[in-house]
Amino acid sequence: MSLALRRQNAEIITYPSAFTVPTGKAHWEPLLRARAIETQSYVIAAAQAGPHNEKRRSYGHSMIVNPWGEVVAQLGDEYQEPQIATADIDLDLVSKIRREMPLLRRTDLYPEV
């Protein structure tokens, strides 16, 4: 899905989610950073935080990742009032990275599968 959006020239990709605490601790940040790097896009990931019931708690850690894979904004996991993370979005950085390090496969030589 993320690469399909990238092929359509998406520069910002959003991911709403509710990861559990164990999977969030292990996978949340690495997956988002990988999506940003592989699509050379900003990734904005809103994540539910805190308890839902006695058995389920969401990890939280909403974040914004730039196309180089750097986390430029992040919230914690504490459940309080709703929070908002902000960051400067530099679309010139997206263009620069895409121009200097082209990653998309050439569909004129290698057809889509």
PDB file of N, CA and C in Angstrom:
ATOM      1  N   MET A   1       0.820  -1.180   0.000  1.00  0.00           N
ATOM      2  CA  MET A   1       0.000   0.000   0.000  1.00  0.00           C
ATOM      3  C   MET A   1       0.871   1.254   0.000  1.00  0.00           C
ATOM      4  N   SER A   2       1.885   1.305   0.850  1.00  0.00           N
ATOM      5  CA  SER A   2       2.708   2.506   0.919  1.00  0.00           C
ATOM      6  C   SER A   2       3.451   2.743  -0.386  1.00  0.00           C
ATOM      7  N   LEU A   3       3.947   1.684  -1.014  1.00  0.00           N
ATOM      8  CA  LEU A   3       4.648   1.855  -2.283  1.00  0.00           C
ATOM      9  C   LEU A   3       3.680   2.249  -3.399  1.00  0.00           C
ATOM     10  N   ALA A   4       2.447   1.782  -3.335  1.00  0.00           N
ATOM     11  CA  ALA A   4       1.445   2.206  -4.316  1.00  0.00           C
ATOM     12  C   ALA A   4       1.170   3.700  -4.168  1.00  0.00           C
ATOM     13  N   LEU A   5       1.104   4.176  -2.947  1.00  0.00           N
ATOM     14  CA  LEU A   5       0.922   5.612  -2.722  1.00  0.00           C
ATOM     15  C   LEU A   5       2.132   6.388  -3.217  1.00  0.00           C
ATOM     16  N   ARG A   6       3.312   5.846  -2.990  1.00  0.00           N
ATOM     17  CA  ARG A   6       4.538   6.500  -3.457  1.00  0.00           C
ATOM     18  C   ARG A   6       4.557   6.600  -4.980  1.00  0.00           C
ATOM     19  N   ARG A   7       4.122   5.534  -5.663  1.00  0.00           N
ATOM     20  CA  ARG A   7       4.078   5.554  -7.133  1.00  0.00           C
ATOM     21  C   ARG A   7       3.105   6.610  -7.651  1.00  0.00           C
ATOM     22  N   GLN A   8       2.175   6.995  -6.806  1.00  0.00           N
ATOM     23  CA  GLN A   8       1.231   8.061  -7.169  1.00  0.00           C
ATOM     24  C   GLN A   8       1.736   9.421  -6.676  1.00  0.00           C
ATOM     25  N   ASN A   9       3.010   9.467  -6.321  1.00  0.00           N
ATOM     26  CA  ASN A   9       3.695  10.701  -5.899  1.00  0.00           C
ATOM     27  C   ASN A   9       3.234  11.255  -4.558  1.00  0.00           C
ATOM     28  N   ALA A  10       2.751  10.398  -3.667  1.00  0.00           N
ATOM     29  CA  ALA A  10       2.425  10.859  -2.321  1.00  0.00           C
ATOM     30  C   ALA A  10       3.693  11.368  -1.651  1.00  0.00           C
ATOM     31  N   GLU A  11       3.588  12.485  -0.983  1.00  0.00           N
ATOM     32  CA  GLU A  11       4.722  13.046  -0.255  1.00  0.00           C
ATOM     33  C   GLU A  11       4.541  12.916   1.249  1.00  0.00           C
ATOM     34  N   ILE A  12       3.304  12.697   1.660  1.00  0.00           N
ATOM     35  CA  ILE A  12       2.966  12.497   3.071  1.00  0.00           C
ATOM     36  C   ILE A  12       2.019  11.312   3.144  1.00  0.00           C
ATOM     37  N   ILE A  13       2.333  10.357   4.011  1.00  0.00           N
ATOM     38  CA  ILE A  13       1.495   9.172   4.180  1.00  0.00           C
ATOM     39  C   ILE A  13       1.097   9.107   5.652  1.00  0.00           C
ATOM     40  N   THR A  14      -0.179   8.860   5.901  1.00  0.00           N
ATOM     41  CA  THR A  14      -0.658   8.799   7.286  1.00  0.00           C
ATOM     42  C   THR A  14      -1.046   7.372   7.661  1.00  0.00           C
ATOM     43  N   TYR A  15      -0.818   7.043   8.912  1.00  0.00           N
ATOM     44  CA  TYR A  15      -1.155   5.728   9.450  1.00  0.00           C
ATOM     45  C   TYR A  15      -1.826   5.895  10.808  1.00  0.00           C
ATOM     46  N   PRO A  16      -3.142   5.785  10.882  1.00  0.00           N
ATOM     47  CA  PRO A  16      -3.786   5.735  12.194  1.00  0.00           C
ATOM     48  C   PRO A  16      -3.669   4.316  12.738  1.00  0.00           C
ATOM     49  N   SER A  17      -3.499   4.182  14.056  1.00  0.00           N
ATOM     50  CA  SER A  17      -3.343   2.824  14.570  1.00  0.00           C
ATOM     51  C   SER A  17      -3.661   2.719  16.052  1.00  0.00           C
ATOM     52  N   ALA A  18      -3.661   1.482  16.515  1.00  0.00           N
ATOM     53  CA  ALA A  18      -3.824   1.164  17.932  1.00  0.00           C
ATOM     54  C   ALA A  18      -3.007  -0.098  18.209  1.00  0.00           C
ATOM     55  N   PHE A  19      -1.684   0.028  18.215  1.00  0.00           N
ATOM     56  CA  PHE A  19      -0.812  -1.115  18.508  1.00  0.00           C
ATOM     57  C   PHE A  19      -0.923  -1.485  19.979  1.00  0.00           C
ATOM     58  N   THR A  20      -0.856  -2.755  20.287  1.00  0.00           N
ATOM     59  CA  THR A  20      -0.786  -3.170  21.683  1.00  0.00           C
ATOM     60  C   THR A  20       0.590  -2.804  22.229  1.00  0.00           C
ATOM     61  N   VAL A  21       0.744  -2.802  23.528  1.00  0.00           N
ATOM     62  CA  VAL A  21       2.020  -2.406  24.133  1.00  0.00           C
ATOM     63  C   VAL A  21       3.168  -3.329  23.705  1.00  0.00           C
ATOM     64  N   PRO A  22       3.027  -4.665  23.770  1.00  0.00           N
ATOM     65  CA  PRO A  22       4.172  -5.501  23.373  1.00  0.00           C
ATOM     66  C   PRO A  22       4.577  -5.328  21.909  1.00  0.00           C
ATOM     67  N   THR A  23       3.621  -5.307  20.990  1.00  0.00           N
ATOM     68  CA  THR A  23       3.987  -5.143  19.580  1.00  0.00           C
ATOM     69  C   THR A  23       4.422  -3.711  19.289  1.00  0.00           C
ATOM     70  N   GLY A  24       3.854  -2.761  19.987  1.00  0.00           N
ATOM     71  CA  GLY A  24       4.271  -1.373  19.811  1.00  0.00           C
ATOM     72  C   GLY A  24       5.715  -1.158  20.218  1.00  0.00           C
ATOM     73  N   LYS A  25       6.091  -1.691  21.370  1.00  0.00           N
ATOM     74  CA  LYS A  25       7.479  -1.551  21.829  1.00  0.00           C
ATOM     75  C   LYS A  25       8.449  -2.177  20.840  1.00  0.00           C
ATOM     76  N   ALA A  26       8.084  -3.297  20.270  1.00  0.00           N
ATOM     77  CA  ALA A  26       8.989  -4.027  19.375  1.00  0.00           C
ATOM     78  C   ALA A  26       8.998  -3.489  17.953  1.00  0.00           C
ATOM     79  N   HIS A  27       7.844  -3.037  17.442  1.00  0.00           N
ATOM     80  CA  HIS A  27       7.731  -2.793  16.008  1.00  0.00           C
ATOM     81  C   HIS A  27       7.325  -1.396  15.563  1.00  0.00           C
ATOM     82  N   TRP A  28       6.682  -0.621  16.407  1.00  0.00           N
ATOM     83  CA  TRP A  28       6.079   0.637  15.979  1.00  0.00           C
ATOM     84  C   TRP A  28       7.084   1.570  15.304  1.00  0.00           C
ATOM     85  N   GLU A  29       8.111   1.986  16.024  1.00  0.00           N
ATOM     86  CA  GLU A  29       9.066   2.940  15.445  1.00  0.00           C
ATOM     87  C   GLU A  29       9.833   2.367  14.256  1.00  0.00           C
ATOM     88  N   PRO A  30      10.369   1.134  14.336  1.00  0.00           N
ATOM     89  CA  PRO A  30      11.091   0.612  13.166  1.00  0.00           C
ATOM     90  C   PRO A  30      10.227   0.514  11.912  1.00  0.00           C
ATOM     91  N   LEU A  31       8.967   0.130  12.058  1.00  0.00           N
ATOM     92  CA  LEU A  31       8.084   0.031  10.891  1.00  0.00           C
ATOM     93  C   LEU A  31       7.814   1.400  10.275  1.00  0.00           C
ATOM     94  N   LEU A  32       7.563   2.391  11.099  1.00  0.00           N
ATOM     95  CA  LEU A  32       7.284   3.726  10.571  1.00  0.00           C
ATOM     96  C   LEU A  32       8.512   4.332   9.908  1.00  0.00           C
ATOM     97  N   ARG A  33       9.671   4.145  10.530  1.00  0.00           N
ATOM     98  CA  ARG A  33      10.903   4.667   9.928  1.00  0.00           C
ATOM     99  C   ARG A  33      11.170   3.970   8.594  1.00  0.00           C
ATOM    100  N   ALA A  34      10.927   2.662   8.528  1.00  0.00           N
ATOM    101  CA  ALA A  34      11.123   1.918   7.277  1.00  0.00           C
ATOM    102  C   ALA A  34      10.166   2.411   6.197  1.00  0.00           C
ATOM    103  N   ARG A  35       8.896   2.656   6.553  1.00  0.00           N
ATOM    104  CA  ARG A  35       7.943   3.164   5.564  1.00  0.00           C
ATOM    105  C   ARG A  35       8.374   4.529   5.040  1.00  0.00           C
ATOM    106  N   ALA A  36       8.865   5.386   5.896  1.00  0.00           N
ATOM    107  CA  ALA A  36       9.323   6.708   5.466  1.00  0.00           C
ATOM    108  C   ALA A  36      10.513   6.589   4.517  1.00  0.00           C
ATOM    109  N   ILE A  37      11.454   5.724   4.852  1.00  0.00           N
ATOM    110  CA  ILE A  37      12.656   5.554   4.035  1.00  0.00           C
ATOM    111  C   ILE A  37      12.309   4.932   2.693  1.00  0.00           C
ATOM    112  N   GLU A  38      11.521   3.863   2.698  1.00  0.00           N
ATOM    113  CA  GLU A  38      11.247   3.167   1.439  1.00  0.00           C
ATOM    114  C   GLU A  38      10.364   3.965   0.497  1.00  0.00           C
ATOM    115  N   THR A  39       9.542   4.861   1.045  1.00  0.00           N
ATOM    116  CA  THR A  39       8.681   5.680   0.190  1.00  0.00           C
ATOM    117  C   THR A  39       9.250   7.078  -0.018  1.00  0.00           C
ATOM    118  N   GLN A  40      10.306   7.397   0.703  1.00  0.00           N
ATOM    119  CA  GLN A  40      10.912   8.734   0.646  1.00  0.00           C
ATOM    120  C   GLN A  40       9.830   9.795   0.849  1.00  0.00           C
ATOM    121  N   SER A  41       9.015   9.566   1.864  1.00  0.00           N
ATOM    122  CA  SER A  41       7.884  10.433   2.190  1.00  0.00           C
ATOM    123  C   SER A  41       7.897  10.736   3.678  1.00  0.00           C
ATOM    124  N   TYR A  42       7.178  11.776   4.049  1.00  0.00           N
ATOM    125  CA  TYR A  42       6.897  11.984   5.463  1.00  0.00           C
ATOM    126  C   TYR A  42       5.850  10.957   5.885  1.00  0.00           C
ATOM    127  N   VAL A  43       6.011  10.411   7.065  1.00  0.00           N
ATOM    128  CA  VAL A  43       5.024   9.502   7.640  1.00  0.00           C
ATOM    129  C   VAL A  43       4.479  10.157   8.899  1.00  0.00           C
ATOM    130  N   ILE A  44       3.173  10.296   8.936  1.00  0.00           N
ATOM    131  CA  ILE A  44       2.499  10.845  10.105  1.00  0.00           C
ATOM    132  C   ILE A  44       1.618   9.737  10.665  1.00  0.00           C
ATOM    133  N   ALA A  45       1.930   9.316  11.883  1.00  0.00           N
ATOM    134  CA  ALA A  45       1.257   8.161  12.467  1.00  0.00           C
ATOM    135  C   ALA A  45       0.579   8.537  13.776  1.00  0.00           C
ATOM    136  N   ALA A  46      -0.736   8.609  13.730  1.00  0.00           N
ATOM    137  CA  ALA A  46      -1.519   8.871  14.928  1.00  0.00           C
ATOM    138  C   ALA A  46      -1.800   7.537  15.605  1.00  0.00           C
ATOM    139  N   ALA A  47      -1.534   7.468  16.895  1.00  0.00           N
ATOM    140  CA  ALA A  47      -1.685   6.196  17.602  1.00  0.00           C
ATOM    141  C   ALA A  47      -2.506   6.381  18.869  1.00  0.00           C
ATOM    142  N   GLN A  48      -3.464   5.491  19.072  1.00  0.00           N
ATOM    143  CA  GLN A  48      -4.219   5.512  20.319  1.00  0.00           C
ATOM    144  C   GLN A  48      -3.285   5.164  21.466  1.00  0.00           C
ATOM    145  N   ALA A  49      -3.549   5.740  22.630  1.00  0.00           N
ATOM    146  CA  ALA A  49      -2.714   5.483  23.807  1.00  0.00           C
ATOM    147  C   ALA A  49      -3.588   5.177  25.012  1.00  0.00           C
ATOM    148  N   GLY A  50      -3.087   4.313  25.861  1.00  0.00           N
ATOM    149  CA  GLY A  50      -3.741   4.052  27.130  1.00  0.00           C
ATOM    150  C   GLY A  50      -4.705   2.878  27.113  1.00  0.00           C
ATOM    151  N   PRO A  51      -5.380   2.677  28.234  1.00  0.00           N
ATOM    152  CA  PRO A  51      -6.255   1.512  28.384  1.00  0.00           C
ATOM    153  C   PRO A  51      -7.573   1.661  27.636  1.00  0.00           C
ATOM    154  N   HIS A  52      -8.016   0.539  27.071  1.00  0.00           N
ATOM    155  CA  HIS A  52      -9.333   0.471  26.442  1.00  0.00           C
ATOM    156  C   HIS A  52     -10.299  -0.260  27.367  1.00  0.00           C
ATOM    157  N   ASN A  53      -9.777  -1.268  28.036  1.00  0.00           N
ATOM    158  CA  ASN A  53     -10.542  -2.040  29.011  1.00  0.00           C
ATOM    159  C   ASN A  53      -9.530  -2.732  29.935  1.00  0.00           C
ATOM    160  N   GLU A  54      -9.978  -3.697  30.726  1.00  0.00           N
ATOM    161  CA  GLU A  54      -9.082  -4.366  31.677  1.00  0.00           C
ATOM    162  C   GLU A  54      -7.974  -5.165  30.987  1.00  0.00           C
ATOM    163  N   LYS A  55      -8.209  -5.629  29.768  1.00  0.00           N
ATOM    164  CA  LYS A  55      -7.251  -6.499  29.093  1.00  0.00           C
ATOM    165  C   LYS A  55      -6.437  -5.819  28.004  1.00  0.00           C
ATOM    166  N   ARG A  56      -6.899  -4.700  27.502  1.00  0.00           N
ATOM    167  CA  ARG A  56      -6.237  -4.099  26.339  1.00  0.00           C
ATOM    168  C   ARG A  56      -5.765  -2.686  26.632  1.00  0.00           C
ATOM    169  N   ARG A  57      -4.499  -2.446  26.283  1.00  0.00           N
ATOM    170  CA  ARG A  57      -3.885  -1.130  26.417  1.00  0.00           C
ATOM    171  C   ARG A  57      -3.123  -0.835  25.129  1.00  0.00           C
ATOM    172  N   SER A  58      -3.330   0.347  24.566  1.00  0.00           N
ATOM    173  CA  SER A  58      -2.629   0.728  23.338  1.00  0.00           C
ATOM    174  C   SER A  58      -1.316   1.425  23.675  1.00  0.00           C
ATOM    175  N   TYR A  59      -0.351   1.219  22.815  1.00  0.00           N
ATOM    176  CA  TYR A  59       1.021   1.671  23.022  1.00  0.00           C
ATOM    177  C   TYR A  59       1.198   3.176  22.934  1.00  0.00           C
ATOM    178  N   GLY A  60       0.471   3.840  22.046  1.00  0.00           N
ATOM    179  CA  GLY A  60       0.654   5.277  21.881  1.00  0.00           C
ATOM    180  C   GLY A  60       1.856   5.596  21.011  1.00  0.00           C
ATOM    181  N   HIS A  61       2.599   6.618  21.381  1.00  0.00           N
ATOM    182  CA  HIS A  61       3.799   7.054  20.659  1.00  0.00           C
ATOM    183  C   HIS A  61       3.492   7.512  19.232  1.00  0.00           C
ATOM    184  N   SER A  62       2.467   8.341  19.090  1.00  0.00           N
ATOM    185  CA  SER A  62       2.228   8.975  17.785  1.00  0.00           C
ATOM    186  C   SER A  62       3.525   9.637  17.354  1.00  0.00           C
ATOM    187  N   MET A  63       3.805   9.610  16.048  1.00  0.00           N
ATOM    188  CA  MET A  63       5.045  10.240  15.607  1.00  0.00           C
ATOM    189  C   MET A  63       4.975  10.728  14.179  1.00  0.00           C
ATOM    190  N   ILE A  64       5.922  11.594  13.883  1.00  0.00           N
ATOM    191  CA  ILE A  64       6.131  12.097  12.533  1.00  0.00           C
ATOM    192  C   ILE A  64       7.566  11.773  12.172  1.00  0.00           C
ATOM    193  N   VAL A  65       7.735  11.144  10.999  1.00  0.00           N
ATOM    194  CA  VAL A  65       9.060  10.706  10.539  1.00  0.00           C
ATOM    195  C   VAL A  65       9.331  11.352   9.187  1.00  0.00           C
ATOM    196  N   ASN A  66      10.531  11.894   9.015  1.00  0.00           N
ATOM    197  CA  ASN A  66      10.853  12.522   7.734  1.00  0.00           C
ATOM    198  C   ASN A  66      11.310  11.478   6.713  1.00  0.00           C
ATOM    199  N   PRO A  67      11.480  11.852   5.445  1.00  0.00           N
ATOM    200  CA  PRO A  67      11.802  10.860   4.407  1.00  0.00           C
ATOM    201  C   PRO A  67      13.193  10.231   4.544  1.00  0.00           C
ATOM    202  N   TRP A  68      14.017  10.757   5.432  1.00  0.00           N
ATOM    203  CA  TRP A  68      15.327  10.159   5.691  1.00  0.00           C
ATOM    204  C   TRP A  68      15.242   9.156   6.839  1.00  0.00           C
ATOM    205  N   GLY A  69      14.047   9.015   7.436  1.00  0.00           N
ATOM    206  CA  GLY A  69      13.829   8.059   8.509  1.00  0.00           C
ATOM    207  C   GLY A  69      14.078   8.614   9.895  1.00  0.00           C
ATOM    208  N   GLU A  70      14.195   9.921  10.001  1.00  0.00           N
ATOM    209  CA  GLU A  70      14.417  10.550  11.302  1.00  0.00           C
ATOM    210  C   GLU A  70      13.078  10.908  11.942  1.00  0.00           C
ATOM    211  N   VAL A  71      12.937  10.574  13.216  1.00  0.00           N
ATOM    212  CA  VAL A  71      11.738  10.936  13.958  1.00  0.00           C
ATOM    213  C   VAL A  71      11.843  12.424  14.290  1.00  0.00           C
ATOM    214  N   VAL A  72      10.910  13.213  13.782  1.00  0.00           N
ATOM    215  CA  VAL A  72      10.956  14.664  13.995  1.00  0.00           C
ATOM    216  C   VAL A  72       9.940  15.138  15.032  1.00  0.00           C
ATOM    217  N   ALA A  73       9.033  14.266  15.438  1.00  0.00           N
ATOM    218  CA  ALA A  73       8.091  14.569  16.522  1.00  0.00           C
ATOM    219  C   ALA A  73       7.555  13.246  17.055  1.00  0.00           C
ATOM    220  N   GLN A  74       7.339  13.205  18.379  1.00  0.00           N
ATOM    221  CA  GLN A  74       6.811  11.985  18.976  1.00  0.00           C
ATOM    222  C   GLN A  74       6.100  12.326  20.274  1.00  0.00           C
ATOM    223  N   LEU A  75       4.986  11.657  20.507  1.00  0.00           N
ATOM    224  CA  LEU A  75       4.272  11.770  21.773  1.00  0.00           C
ATOM    225  C   LEU A  75       4.556  10.523  22.604  1.00  0.00           C
ATOM    226  N   GLY A  76       4.204  10.562  23.862  1.00  0.00           N
ATOM    227  CA  GLY A  76       4.432   9.415  24.736  1.00  0.00           C
ATOM    228  C   GLY A  76       3.271   8.447  24.732  1.00  0.00           C
ATOM    229  N   ASP A  77       3.243   7.623  25.759  1.00  0.00           N
ATOM    230  CA  ASP A  77       2.190   6.624  25.872  1.00  0.00           C
ATOM    231  C   ASP A  77       1.239   6.918  27.025  1.00  0.00           C
ATOM    232  N   GLU A  78       1.499   7.988  27.758  1.00  0.00           N
ATOM    233  CA  GLU A  78       0.654   8.298  28.895  1.00  0.00           C
ATOM    234  C   GLU A  78      -0.719   8.736  28.409  1.00  0.00           C
ATOM    235  N   TYR A  79      -1.740   8.165  28.978  1.00  0.00           N
ATOM    236  CA  TYR A  79      -3.089   8.557  28.580  1.00  0.00           C
ATOM    237  C   TYR A  79      -3.494   9.761  29.410  1.00  0.00           C
ATOM    238  N   GLN A  80      -3.675  10.860  28.740  1.00  0.00           N
ATOM    239  CA  GLN A  80      -4.143  12.081  29.380  1.00  0.00           C
ATOM    240  C   GLN A  80      -5.233  12.644  28.489  1.00  0.00           C
ATOM    241  N   GLU A  81      -5.225  13.923  28.349  1.00  0.00           N
ATOM    242  CA  GLU A  81      -6.093  14.561  27.375  1.00  0.00           C
ATOM    243  C   GLU A  81      -5.492  14.308  25.999  1.00  0.00           C
ATOM    244  N   PRO A  82      -6.280  14.395  24.939  1.00  0.00           N
ATOM    245  CA  PRO A  82      -5.712  14.242  23.592  1.00  0.00           C
ATOM    246  C   PRO A  82      -4.557  15.214  23.377  1.00  0.00           C
ATOM    247  N   GLN A  83      -3.540  14.759  22.677  1.00  0.00           N
ATOM    248  CA  GLN A  83      -2.355  15.561  22.402  1.00  0.00           C
ATOM    249  C   GLN A  83      -2.152  15.682  20.901  1.00  0.00           C
ATOM    250  N   ILE A  84      -1.398  16.679  20.491  1.00  0.00           N
ATOM    251  CA  ILE A  84      -1.094  16.892  19.078  1.00  0.00           C
ATOM    252  C   ILE A  84       0.411  17.058  18.928  1.00  0.00           C
ATOM    253  N   ALA A  85       0.981  16.301  18.020  1.00  0.00           N
ATOM    254  CA  ALA A  85       2.397  16.458  17.677  1.00  0.00           C
ATOM    255  C   ALA A  85       2.467  17.312  16.418  1.00  0.00           C
ATOM    256  N   THR A  86       3.442  18.208  16.367  1.00  0.00           N
ATOM    257  CA  THR A  86       3.629  19.034  15.179  1.00  0.00           C
ATOM    258  C   THR A  86       5.087  18.986  14.747  1.00  0.00           C
ATOM    259  N   ALA A  87       5.316  19.201  13.475  1.00  0.00           N
ATOM    260  CA  ALA A  87       6.669  19.273  12.931  1.00  0.00           C
ATOM    261  C   ALA A  87       6.611  20.060  11.637  1.00  0.00           C
ATOM    262  N   ASP A  88       7.718  20.672  11.296  1.00  0.00           N
ATOM    263  CA  ASP A  88       7.807  21.337  10.003  1.00  0.00           C
ATOM    264  C   ASP A  88       7.924  20.276   8.921  1.00  0.00           C
ATOM    265  N   ILE A  89       7.124  20.411   7.882  1.00  0.00           N
ATOM    266  CA  ILE A  89       7.160  19.498   6.742  1.00  0.00           C
ATOM    267  C   ILE A  89       7.880  20.221   5.613  1.00  0.00           C
ATOM    268  N   ASP A  90       9.001  19.675   5.193  1.00  0.00           N
ATOM    269  CA  ASP A  90       9.830  20.290   4.159  1.00  0.00           C
ATOM    270  C   ASP A  90       9.710  19.472   2.873  1.00  0.00           C
ATOM    271  N   LEU A  91       8.804  19.872   2.004  1.00  0.00           N
ATOM    272  CA  LEU A  91       8.604  19.135   0.758  1.00  0.00           C
ATOM    273  C   LEU A  91       9.801  19.269  -0.176  1.00  0.00           C
ATOM    274  N   ASP A  92      10.620  20.298   0.011  1.00  0.00           N
ATOM    275  CA  ASP A  92      11.870  20.392  -0.751  1.00  0.00           C
ATOM    276  C   ASP A  92      12.819  19.257  -0.367  1.00  0.00           C
ATOM    277  N   LEU A  93      12.788  18.848   0.902  1.00  0.00           N
ATOM    278  CA  LEU A  93      13.603  17.707   1.334  1.00  0.00           C
ATOM    279  C   LEU A  93      13.146  16.428   0.636  1.00  0.00           C
ATOM    280  N   VAL A  94      11.833  16.252   0.516  1.00  0.00           N
ATOM    281  CA  VAL A  94      11.299  15.089  -0.198  1.00  0.00           C
ATOM    282  C   VAL A  94      11.833  15.080  -1.626  1.00  0.00           C
ATOM    283  N   SER A  95      11.724  16.198  -2.313  1.00  0.00           N
ATOM    284  CA  SER A  95      12.201  16.294  -3.706  1.00  0.00           C
ATOM    285  C   SER A  95      13.694  16.023  -3.804  1.00  0.00           C
ATOM    286  N   LYS A  96      14.460  16.585  -2.897  1.00  0.00           N
ATOM    287  CA  LYS A  96      15.924  16.420  -2.906  1.00  0.00           C
ATOM    288  C   LYS A  96      16.301  14.949  -2.729  1.00  0.00           C
ATOM    289  N   ILE A  97      15.699  14.285  -1.754  1.00  0.00           N
ATOM    290  CA  ILE A  97      16.015  12.876  -1.495  1.00  0.00           C
ATOM    291  C   ILE A  97      15.605  12.016  -2.688  1.00  0.00           C
ATOM    292  N   ARG A  98      14.432  12.258  -3.238  1.00  0.00           N
ATOM    293  CA  ARG A  98      13.970  11.466  -4.384  1.00  0.00           C
ATOM    294  C   ARG A  98      14.845  11.683  -5.619  1.00  0.00           C
ATOM    295  N   ARG A  99      15.320  12.898  -5.778  1.00  0.00           N
ATOM    296  CA  ARG A  99      16.172  13.208  -6.931  1.00  0.00           C
ATOM    297  C   ARG A  99      17.570  12.592  -6.767  1.00  0.00           C
ATOM    298  N   GLU A 100      18.132  12.691  -5.577  1.00  0.00           N
ATOM    299  CA  GLU A 100      19.506  12.238  -5.342  1.00  0.00           C
ATOM    300  C   GLU A 100      19.629  10.737  -5.103  1.00  0.00           C
ATOM    301  N   MET A 101      18.538  10.094  -4.713  1.00  0.00           N
ATOM    302  CA  MET A 101      18.586   8.661  -4.443  1.00  0.00           C
ATOM    303  C   MET A 101      17.305   7.994  -4.953  1.00  0.00           C
ATOM    304  N   PRO A 102      17.166   7.869  -6.271  1.00  0.00           N
ATOM    305  CA  PRO A 102      15.930   7.273  -6.811  1.00  0.00           C
ATOM    306  C   PRO A 102      15.801   5.806  -6.397  1.00  0.00           C
ATOM    307  N   LEU A 103      14.642   5.461  -5.868  1.00  0.00           N
ATOM    308  CA  LEU A 103      14.424   4.099  -5.375  1.00  0.00           C
ATOM    309  C   LEU A 103      13.385   3.308  -6.156  1.00  0.00           C
ATOM    310  N   LEU A 104      12.502   3.997  -6.835  1.00  0.00           N
ATOM    311  CA  LEU A 104      11.429   3.274  -7.510  1.00  0.00           C
ATOM    312  C   LEU A 104      11.972   2.431  -8.656  1.00  0.00           C
ATOM    313  N   ARG A 105      11.426   1.269  -8.773  1.00  0.00           N
ATOM    314  CA  ARG A 105      11.801   0.344  -9.833  1.00  0.00           C
ATOM    315  C   ARG A 105      11.318   0.861 -11.177  1.00  0.00           C
ATOM    316  N   ARG A 106      12.126   0.677 -12.191  1.00  0.00           N
ATOM    317  CA  ARG A 106      11.741   1.129 -13.534  1.00  0.00           C
ATOM    318  C   ARG A 106      10.683   0.208 -14.114  1.00  0.00           C
ATOM    319  N   THR A 107       9.487   0.739 -14.279  1.00  0.00           N
ATOM    320  CA  THR A 107       8.398  -0.085 -14.807  1.00  0.00           C
ATOM    321  C   THR A 107       8.483  -0.222 -16.323  1.00  0.00           C
ATOM    322  N   ASP A 108       9.315   0.579 -16.981  1.00  0.00           N
ATOM    323  CA  ASP A 108       9.479   0.411 -18.420  1.00  0.00           C
ATOM    324  C   ASP A 108      10.331  -0.831 -18.728  1.00  0.00           C
ATOM    325  N   LEU A 109      11.197  -1.213 -17.803  1.00  0.00           N
ATOM    326  CA  LEU A 109      12.031  -2.400 -17.963  1.00  0.00           C
ATOM    327  C   LEU A 109      11.510  -3.607 -17.179  1.00  0.00           C
ATOM    328  N   TYR A 110      10.960  -3.312 -15.999  1.00  0.00           N
ATOM    329  CA  TYR A 110      10.498  -4.369 -15.100  1.00  0.00           C
ATOM    330  C   TYR A 110       9.023  -4.143 -14.805  1.00  0.00           C
ATOM    331  N   PRO A 111       8.148  -4.870 -15.473  1.00  0.00           N
ATOM    332  CA  PRO A 111       6.720  -4.617 -15.293  1.00  0.00           C
ATOM    333  C   PRO A 111       6.253  -4.874 -13.860  1.00  0.00           C
ATOM    334  N   GLU A 112       5.172  -4.198 -13.512  1.00  0.00           N
ATOM    335  CA  GLU A 112       4.563  -4.402 -12.205  1.00  0.00           C
ATOM    336  C   GLU A 112       4.105  -5.844 -12.069  1.00  0.00           C
ATOM    337  N   VAL A 113       4.210  -6.378 -10.892  1.00  0.00           N
ATOM    338  CA  VAL A 113       3.802  -7.759 -10.637  1.00  0.00           C
ATOM    339  C   VAL A 113       2.444  -7.772  -9.987  1.00  0.00           C
TER     340      VAL A 113
END
